[in-house]
Amino acid sequence: MKMEEIINKVNEILIDEFEVDAEVIEATKNLKETLDLDSLDYVDLVVIIESNFGVKLVEADFVGMVTFQDFYNIIKNKISAKNA
């Protein structure tokens, strides 16, 4: 899966499932500050990402994750590892 496809799908999920305005989603912005999701929303996000991309996210994946681009990269790396 190409990075552009991952970005589009993740952004679509954020917009549709979490009612995030498309205008606030930028690769370099701080994910947590921009989304302002509570802990249950993050659990929902993980479940939705796992079901849409077929990858397993664990707590360690989020260590050091700051920006939207970091989040996209984690998903891309998980998909690449799964397909290797």
PDB file of N, CA and C in Angstrom:
ATOM      1  N   MET A   1       0.849  -1.177   0.000  1.00  0.00           N
ATOM      2  CA  MET A   1       0.000   0.000   0.000  1.00  0.00           C
ATOM      3  C   MET A   1       0.892   1.236   0.000  1.00  0.00           C
ATOM      4  N   LYS A   2       0.571   2.173  -0.855  1.00  0.00           N
ATOM      5  CA  LYS A   2       1.364   3.393  -0.967  1.00  0.00           C
ATOM      6  C   LYS A   2       1.041   4.356   0.172  1.00  0.00           C
ATOM      7  N   MET A   3       2.027   5.190   0.502  1.00  0.00           N
ATOM      8  CA  MET A   3       1.854   6.155   1.587  1.00  0.00           C
ATOM      9  C   MET A   3       0.654   7.062   1.327  1.00  0.00           C
ATOM     10  N   GLU A   4       0.469   7.491   0.102  1.00  0.00           N
ATOM     11  CA  GLU A   4      -0.653   8.372  -0.220  1.00  0.00           C
ATOM     12  C   GLU A   4      -1.992   7.687   0.098  1.00  0.00           C
ATOM     13  N   GLU A   5      -2.095   6.401  -0.168  1.00  0.00           N
ATOM     14  CA  GLU A   5      -3.315   5.651   0.133  1.00  0.00           C
ATOM     15  C   GLU A   5      -3.537   5.572   1.641  1.00  0.00           C
ATOM     16  N   ILE A   6      -2.455   5.356   2.376  1.00  0.00           N
ATOM     17  CA  ILE A   6      -2.540   5.289   3.840  1.00  0.00           C
ATOM     18  C   ILE A   6      -3.009   6.628   4.401  1.00  0.00           C
ATOM     19  N   ILE A   7      -2.393   7.698   3.945  1.00  0.00           N
ATOM     20  CA  ILE A   7      -2.747   9.040   4.417  1.00  0.00           C
ATOM     21  C   ILE A   7      -4.217   9.337   4.130  1.00  0.00           C
ATOM     22  N   ASN A   8      -4.649   9.056   2.913  1.00  0.00           N
ATOM     23  CA  ASN A   8      -6.041   9.330   2.543  1.00  0.00           C
ATOM     24  C   ASN A   8      -7.012   8.514   3.383  1.00  0.00           C
ATOM     25  N   LYS A   9      -6.702   7.236   3.600  1.00  0.00           N
ATOM     26  CA  LYS A   9      -7.590   6.366   4.372  1.00  0.00           C
ATOM     27  C   LYS A   9      -7.639   6.790   5.846  1.00  0.00           C
ATOM     28  N   VAL A  10      -6.482   7.079   6.438  1.00  0.00           N
ATOM     29  CA  VAL A  10      -6.440   7.518   7.839  1.00  0.00           C
ATOM     30  C   VAL A  10      -7.217   8.827   7.996  1.00  0.00           C
ATOM     31  N   ASN A  11      -6.990   9.761   7.094  1.00  0.00           N
ATOM     32  CA  ASN A  11      -7.685  11.045   7.176  1.00  0.00           C
ATOM     33  C   ASN A  11      -9.193  10.861   7.024  1.00  0.00           C
ATOM     34  N   GLU A  12      -9.586   9.979   6.116  1.00  0.00           N
ATOM     35  CA  GLU A  12     -11.005   9.680   5.920  1.00  0.00           C
ATOM     36  C   GLU A  12     -11.624   9.114   7.205  1.00  0.00           C
ATOM     37  N   ILE A  13     -10.900   8.230   7.860  1.00  0.00           N
ATOM     38  CA  ILE A  13     -11.365   7.655   9.134  1.00  0.00           C
ATOM     39  C   ILE A  13     -11.524   8.751  10.186  1.00  0.00           C
ATOM     40  N   LEU A  14     -10.526   9.616  10.294  1.00  0.00           N
ATOM     41  CA  LEU A  14     -10.580  10.697  11.290  1.00  0.00           C
ATOM     42  C   LEU A  14     -11.760  11.628  11.035  1.00  0.00           C
ATOM     43  N   ILE A  15     -11.996  11.926   9.774  1.00  0.00           N
ATOM     44  CA  ILE A  15     -13.087  12.836   9.405  1.00  0.00           C
ATOM     45  C   ILE A  15     -14.447  12.167   9.639  1.00  0.00           C
ATOM     46  N   ASP A  16     -14.586  10.939   9.166  1.00  0.00           N
ATOM     47  CA  ASP A  16     -15.885  10.252   9.240  1.00  0.00           C
ATOM     48  C   ASP A  16     -16.223   9.740  10.634  1.00  0.00           C
ATOM     49  N   GLU A  17     -15.267   9.123  11.295  1.00  0.00           N
ATOM     50  CA  GLU A  17     -15.535   8.471  12.579  1.00  0.00           C
ATOM     51  C   GLU A  17     -15.397   9.394  13.786  1.00  0.00           C
ATOM     52  N   PHE A  18     -14.533  10.388  13.680  1.00  0.00           N
ATOM     53  CA  PHE A  18     -14.238  11.244  14.833  1.00  0.00           C
ATOM     54  C   PHE A  18     -14.589  12.714  14.591  1.00  0.00           C
ATOM     55  N   GLU A  19     -15.244  12.977  13.458  1.00  0.00           N
ATOM     56  CA  GLU A  19     -15.721  14.320  13.119  1.00  0.00           C
ATOM     57  C   GLU A  19     -14.620  15.380  13.198  1.00  0.00           C
ATOM     58  N   VAL A  20     -13.433  15.011  12.729  1.00  0.00           N
ATOM     59  CA  VAL A  20     -12.307  15.949  12.674  1.00  0.00           C
ATOM     60  C   VAL A  20     -12.436  16.761  11.391  1.00  0.00           C
ATOM     61  N   ASP A  21     -12.242  18.066  11.492  1.00  0.00           N
ATOM     62  CA  ASP A  21     -12.280  18.911  10.300  1.00  0.00           C
ATOM     63  C   ASP A  21     -11.062  18.616   9.436  1.00  0.00           C
ATOM     64  N   ALA A  22     -11.299  18.409   8.148  1.00  0.00           N
ATOM     65  CA  ALA A  22     -10.218  18.083   7.221  1.00  0.00           C
ATOM     66  C   ALA A  22      -9.122  19.149   7.220  1.00  0.00           C
ATOM     67  N   GLU A  23      -9.516  20.398   7.454  1.00  0.00           N
ATOM     68  CA  GLU A  23      -8.557  21.512   7.402  1.00  0.00           C
ATOM     69  C   GLU A  23      -7.500  21.442   8.506  1.00  0.00           C
ATOM     70  N   VAL A  24      -7.806  20.765   9.611  1.00  0.00           N
ATOM     71  CA  VAL A  24      -6.846  20.729  10.725  1.00  0.00           C
ATOM     72  C   VAL A  24      -5.847  19.582  10.599  1.00  0.00           C
ATOM     73  N   ILE A  25      -6.083  18.675   9.657  1.00  0.00           N
ATOM     74  CA  ILE A  25      -5.195  17.522   9.504  1.00  0.00           C
ATOM     75  C   ILE A  25      -4.031  17.908   8.598  1.00  0.00           C
ATOM     76  N   GLU A  26      -2.853  18.023   9.200  1.00  0.00           N
ATOM     77  CA  GLU A  26      -1.622  18.339   8.470  1.00  0.00           C
ATOM     78  C   GLU A  26      -0.522  17.431   8.993  1.00  0.00           C
ATOM     79  N   ALA A  27       0.299  16.942   8.083  1.00  0.00           N
ATOM     80  CA  ALA A  27       1.332  15.962   8.420  1.00  0.00           C
ATOM     81  C   ALA A  27       2.240  16.405   9.562  1.00  0.00           C
ATOM     82  N   THR A  28       2.532  17.685   9.644  1.00  0.00           N
ATOM     83  CA  THR A  28       3.498  18.168  10.638  1.00  0.00           C
ATOM     84  C   THR A  28       2.861  18.589  11.961  1.00  0.00           C
ATOM     85  N   LYS A  29       1.531  18.585  12.029  1.00  0.00           N
ATOM     86  CA  LYS A  29       0.858  18.999  13.262  1.00  0.00           C
ATOM     87  C   LYS A  29       0.914  17.906  14.322  1.00  0.00           C
ATOM     88  N   ASN A  30       0.828  18.329  15.564  1.00  0.00           N
ATOM     89  CA  ASN A  30       0.802  17.402  16.698  1.00  0.00           C
ATOM     90  C   ASN A  30      -0.530  16.656  16.694  1.00  0.00           C
ATOM     91  N   LEU A  31      -0.447  15.343  16.593  1.00  0.00           N
ATOM     92  CA  LEU A  31      -1.630  14.498  16.486  1.00  0.00           C
ATOM     93  C   LEU A  31      -2.543  14.627  17.701  1.00  0.00           C
ATOM     94  N   LYS A  32      -1.983  14.460  18.885  1.00  0.00           N
ATOM     95  CA  LYS A  32      -2.791  14.455  20.105  1.00  0.00           C
ATOM     96  C   LYS A  32      -3.437  15.814  20.366  1.00  0.00           C
ATOM     97  N   GLU A  33      -2.678  16.886  20.192  1.00  0.00           N
ATOM     98  CA  GLU A  33      -3.215  18.227  20.421  1.00  0.00           C
ATOM     99  C   GLU A  33      -4.292  18.576  19.399  1.00  0.00           C
ATOM    100  N   THR A  34      -4.073  18.197  18.152  1.00  0.00           N
ATOM    101  CA  THR A  34      -5.013  18.539  17.085  1.00  0.00           C
ATOM    102  C   THR A  34      -6.314  17.764  17.219  1.00  0.00           C
ATOM    103  N   LEU A  35      -6.217  16.472  17.506  1.00  0.00           N
ATOM    104  CA  LEU A  35      -7.419  15.640  17.577  1.00  0.00           C
ATOM    105  C   LEU A  35      -8.199  15.834  18.868  1.00  0.00           C
ATOM    106  N   ASP A  36      -7.499  16.090  19.965  1.00  0.00           N
ATOM    107  CA  ASP A  36      -8.126  16.282  21.273  1.00  0.00           C
ATOM    108  C   ASP A  36      -9.103  15.145  21.600  1.00  0.00           C
ATOM    109  N   LEU A  37      -8.628  13.900  21.399  1.00  0.00           N
ATOM    110  CA  LEU A  37      -9.438  12.719  21.674  1.00  0.00           C
ATOM    111  C   LEU A  37      -9.211  12.262  23.111  1.00  0.00           C
ATOM    112  N   ASP A  38     -10.231  11.663  23.711  1.00  0.00           N
ATOM    113  CA  ASP A  38     -10.037  11.087  25.039  1.00  0.00           C
ATOM    114  C   ASP A  38      -9.511   9.659  24.895  1.00  0.00           C
ATOM    115  N   SER A  39      -9.234   9.029  26.016  1.00  0.00           N
ATOM    116  CA  SER A  39      -8.606   7.700  25.973  1.00  0.00           C
ATOM    117  C   SER A  39      -9.487   6.666  25.283  1.00  0.00           C
ATOM    118  N   LEU A  40     -10.794   6.749  25.449  1.00  0.00           N
ATOM    119  CA  LEU A  40     -11.691   5.810  24.766  1.00  0.00           C
ATOM    120  C   LEU A  40     -11.684   6.033  23.260  1.00  0.00           C
ATOM    121  N   ASP A  41     -11.577   7.292  22.839  1.00  0.00           N
ATOM    122  CA  ASP A  41     -11.479   7.590  21.410  1.00  0.00           C
ATOM    123  C   ASP A  41     -10.217   6.975  20.814  1.00  0.00           C
ATOM    124  N   TYR A  42      -9.118   7.023  21.572  1.00  0.00           N
ATOM    125  CA  TYR A  42      -7.872   6.419  21.076  1.00  0.00           C
ATOM    126  C   TYR A  42      -8.003   4.909  20.940  1.00  0.00           C
ATOM    127  N   VAL A  43      -8.709   4.285  21.868  1.00  0.00           N
ATOM    128  CA  VAL A  43      -8.955   2.843  21.760  1.00  0.00           C
ATOM    129  C   VAL A  43      -9.769   2.564  20.501  1.00  0.00           C
ATOM    130  N   ASP A  44     -10.807   3.360  20.278  1.00  0.00           N
ATOM    131  CA  ASP A  44     -11.621   3.207  19.072  1.00  0.00           C
ATOM    132  C   ASP A  44     -10.773   3.412  17.818  1.00  0.00           C
ATOM    133  N   LEU A  45      -9.912   4.415  17.842  1.00  0.00           N
ATOM    134  CA  LEU A  45      -9.048   4.689  16.692  1.00  0.00           C
ATOM    135  C   LEU A  45      -8.152   3.491  16.389  1.00  0.00           C
ATOM    136  N   VAL A  46      -7.553   2.920  17.420  1.00  0.00           N
ATOM    137  CA  VAL A  46      -6.680   1.750  17.238  1.00  0.00           C
ATOM    138  C   VAL A  46      -7.465   0.598  16.624  1.00  0.00           C
ATOM    139  N   VAL A  47      -8.655   0.333  17.136  1.00  0.00           N
ATOM    140  CA  VAL A  47      -9.480  -0.766  16.627  1.00  0.00           C
ATOM    141  C   VAL A  47      -9.851  -0.519  15.162  1.00  0.00           C
ATOM    142  N   ILE A  48     -10.235   0.694  14.840  1.00  0.00           N
ATOM    143  CA  ILE A  48     -10.616   1.023  13.462  1.00  0.00           C
ATOM    144  C   ILE A  48      -9.417   0.905  12.522  1.00  0.00           C
ATOM    145  N   ILE A  49      -8.266   1.396  12.952  1.00  0.00           N
ATOM    146  CA  ILE A  49      -7.054   1.293  12.129  1.00  0.00           C
ATOM    147  C   ILE A  49      -6.700  -0.176  11.913  1.00  0.00           C
ATOM    148  N   GLU A  50      -6.747  -0.967  12.976  1.00  0.00           N
ATOM    149  CA  GLU A  50      -6.419  -2.389  12.860  1.00  0.00           C
ATOM    150  C   GLU A  50      -7.360  -3.093  11.891  1.00  0.00           C
ATOM    151  N   SER A  51      -8.657  -2.797  11.955  1.00  0.00           N
ATOM    152  CA  SER A  51      -9.607  -3.479  11.080  1.00  0.00           C
ATOM    153  C   SER A  51      -9.510  -2.999   9.638  1.00  0.00           C
ATOM    154  N   ASN A  52      -9.140  -1.744   9.430  1.00  0.00           N
ATOM    155  CA  ASN A  52      -9.039  -1.210   8.071  1.00  0.00           C
ATOM    156  C   ASN A  52      -7.726  -1.572   7.375  1.00  0.00           C
ATOM    157  N   PHE A  53      -6.662  -1.712   8.155  1.00  0.00           N
ATOM    158  CA  PHE A  53      -5.356  -1.960   7.553  1.00  0.00           C
ATOM    159  C   PHE A  53      -4.828  -3.368   7.813  1.00  0.00           C
ATOM    160  N   GLY A  54      -5.494  -4.118   8.686  1.00  0.00           N
ATOM    161  CA  GLY A  54      -5.075  -5.486   8.961  1.00  0.00           C
ATOM    162  C   GLY A  54      -3.755  -5.589   9.698  1.00  0.00           C
ATOM    163  N   VAL A  55      -3.462  -4.588  10.512  1.00  0.00           N
ATOM    164  CA  VAL A  55      -2.231  -4.596  11.305  1.00  0.00           C
ATOM    165  C   VAL A  55      -2.586  -4.453  12.781  1.00  0.00           C
ATOM    166  N   LYS A  56      -1.678  -4.880  13.642  1.00  0.00           N
ATOM    167  CA  LYS A  56      -1.874  -4.803  15.090  1.00  0.00           C
ATOM    168  C   LYS A  56      -1.033  -3.664  15.640  1.00  0.00           C
ATOM    169  N   LEU A  57      -1.676  -2.724  16.318  1.00  0.00           N
ATOM    170  CA  LEU A  57      -0.965  -1.626  16.963  1.00  0.00           C
ATOM    171  C   LEU A  57      -0.858  -1.921  18.455  1.00  0.00           C
ATOM    172  N   VAL A  58       0.321  -1.668  19.006  1.00  0.00           N
ATOM    173  CA  VAL A  58       0.549  -1.870  20.429  1.00  0.00           C
ATOM    174  C   VAL A  58       1.015  -0.554  21.052  1.00  0.00           C
ATOM    175  N   GLU A  59       0.979  -0.515  22.367  1.00  0.00           N
ATOM    176  CA  GLU A  59       1.329   0.719  23.080  1.00  0.00           C
ATOM    177  C   GLU A  59       2.708   1.247  22.680  1.00  0.00           C
ATOM    178  N   ALA A  60       3.655   0.354  22.486  1.00  0.00           N
ATOM    179  CA  ALA A  60       5.020   0.764  22.127  1.00  0.00           C
ATOM    180  C   ALA A  60       5.071   1.517  20.798  1.00  0.00           C
ATOM    181  N   ASP A  61       4.101   1.253  19.921  1.00  0.00           N
ATOM    182  CA  ASP A  61       4.064   1.953  18.638  1.00  0.00           C
ATOM    183  C   ASP A  61       3.836   3.451  18.814  1.00  0.00           C
ATOM    184  N   PHE A  62       3.218   3.813  19.923  1.00  0.00           N
ATOM    185  CA  PHE A  62       2.856   5.208  20.134  1.00  0.00           C
ATOM    186  C   PHE A  62       3.913   5.996  20.894  1.00  0.00           C
ATOM    187  N   VAL A  63       4.929   5.310  21.392  1.00  0.00           N
ATOM    188  CA  VAL A  63       6.028   5.985  22.077  1.00  0.00           C
ATOM    189  C   VAL A  63       6.814   6.778  21.035  1.00  0.00           C
ATOM    190  N   GLY A  64       6.939   8.043  21.260  1.00  0.00           N
ATOM    191  CA  GLY A  64       7.677   8.884  20.323  1.00  0.00           C
ATOM    192  C   GLY A  64       6.829   9.387  19.163  1.00  0.00           C
ATOM    193  N   MET A  65       5.590   8.956  19.067  1.00  0.00           N
ATOM    194  CA  MET A  65       4.710   9.438  18.013  1.00  0.00           C
ATOM    195  C   MET A  65       4.210  10.819  18.402  1.00  0.00           C
ATOM    196  N   VAL A  66       4.446  11.787  17.536  1.00  0.00           N
ATOM    197  CA  VAL A  66       4.027  13.147  17.829  1.00  0.00           C
ATOM    198  C   VAL A  66       3.096  13.683  16.735  1.00  0.00           C
ATOM    199  N   THR A  67       3.520  13.575  15.501  1.00  0.00           N
ATOM    200  CA  THR A  67       2.784  14.199  14.399  1.00  0.00           C
ATOM    201  C   THR A  67       1.895  13.207  13.652  1.00  0.00           C
ATOM    202  N   PHE A  68       1.048  13.755  12.812  1.00  0.00           N
ATOM    203  CA  PHE A  68       0.248  12.910  11.937  1.00  0.00           C
ATOM    204  C   PHE A  68       1.165  12.054  11.069  1.00  0.00           C
ATOM    205  N   GLN A  69       2.272  12.647  10.586  1.00  0.00           N
ATOM    206  CA  GLN A  69       3.208  11.898   9.747  1.00  0.00           C
ATOM    207  C   GLN A  69       3.794  10.710  10.501  1.00  0.00           C
ATOM    208  N   ASP A  70       4.083  10.884  11.775  1.00  0.00           N
ATOM    209  CA  ASP A  70       4.567   9.765  12.592  1.00  0.00           C
ATOM    210  C   ASP A  70       3.539   8.631  12.595  1.00  0.00           C
ATOM    211  N   PHE A  71       2.275   8.989  12.729  1.00  0.00           N
ATOM    212  CA  PHE A  71       1.196   8.005  12.759  1.00  0.00           C
ATOM    213  C   PHE A  71       1.096   7.276  11.418  1.00  0.00           C
ATOM    214  N   TYR A  72       1.154   8.037  10.335  1.00  0.00           N
ATOM    215  CA  TYR A  72       1.135   7.418   9.000  1.00  0.00           C
ATOM    216  C   TYR A  72       2.314   6.459   8.837  1.00  0.00           C
ATOM    217  N   ASN A  73       3.489   6.886   9.304  1.00  0.00           N
ATOM    218  CA  ASN A  73       4.700   6.061   9.170  1.00  0.00           C
ATOM    219  C   ASN A  73       4.574   4.752   9.949  1.00  0.00           C
ATOM    220  N   ILE A  74       3.996   4.823  11.139  1.00  0.00           N
ATOM    221  CA  ILE A  74       3.802   3.609  11.944  1.00  0.00           C
ATOM    222  C   ILE A  74       2.940   2.614  11.173  1.00  0.00           C
ATOM    223  N   ILE A  75       1.849   3.101  10.614  1.00  0.00           N
ATOM    224  CA  ILE A  75       0.950   2.223   9.857  1.00  0.00           C
ATOM    225  C   ILE A  75       1.662   1.668   8.633  1.00  0.00           C
ATOM    226  N   LYS A  76       2.381   2.512   7.907  1.00  0.00           N
ATOM    227  CA  LYS A  76       3.131   2.072   6.720  1.00  0.00           C
ATOM    228  C   LYS A  76       4.143   0.993   7.094  1.00  0.00           C
ATOM    229  N   ASN A  77       4.876   1.209   8.176  1.00  0.00           N
ATOM    230  CA  ASN A  77       5.876   0.235   8.618  1.00  0.00           C
ATOM    231  C   ASN A  77       5.241  -1.093   9.038  1.00  0.00           C
ATOM    232  N   LYS A  78       4.091  -1.006   9.692  1.00  0.00           N
ATOM    233  CA  LYS A  78       3.382  -2.233  10.101  1.00  0.00           C
ATOM    234  C   LYS A  78       2.912  -3.028   8.868  1.00  0.00           C
ATOM    235  N   ILE A  79       2.391  -2.312   7.883  1.00  0.00           N
ATOM    236  CA  ILE A  79       1.939  -2.976   6.658  1.00  0.00           C
ATOM    237  C   ILE A  79       3.114  -3.601   5.929  1.00  0.00           C
ATOM    238  N   SER A  80       4.223  -2.861   5.843  1.00  0.00           N
ATOM    239  CA  SER A  80       5.416  -3.386   5.167  1.00  0.00           C
ATOM    240  C   SER A  80       5.955  -4.619   5.866  1.00  0.00           C
ATOM    241  N   ALA A  81       5.987  -4.599   7.202  1.00  0.00           N
ATOM    242  CA  ALA A  81       6.485  -5.738   7.978  1.00  0.00           C
ATOM    243  C   ALA A  81       5.575  -6.952   7.793  1.00  0.00           C
ATOM    244  N   LYS A  82       4.276  -6.704   7.749  1.00  0.00           N
ATOM    245  CA  LYS A  82       3.310  -7.787   7.576  1.00  0.00           C
ATOM    246  C   LYS A  82       3.466  -8.461   6.206  1.00  0.00           C
ATOM    247  N   ASN A  83       3.767  -7.648   5.196  1.00  0.00           N
ATOM    248  CA  ASN A  83       3.871  -8.148   3.832  1.00  0.00           C
ATOM    249  C   ASN A  83       5.261  -8.656   3.470  1.00  0.00           C
ATOM    250  N   ALA A  84       6.201  -8.531   4.418  1.00  0.00           N
ATOM    251  CA  ALA A  84       7.579  -8.950   4.129  1.00  0.00           C
ATOM    252  C   ALA A  84       7.733 -10.460   4.217  1.00  0.00           C
TER     253      ALA A  84
END
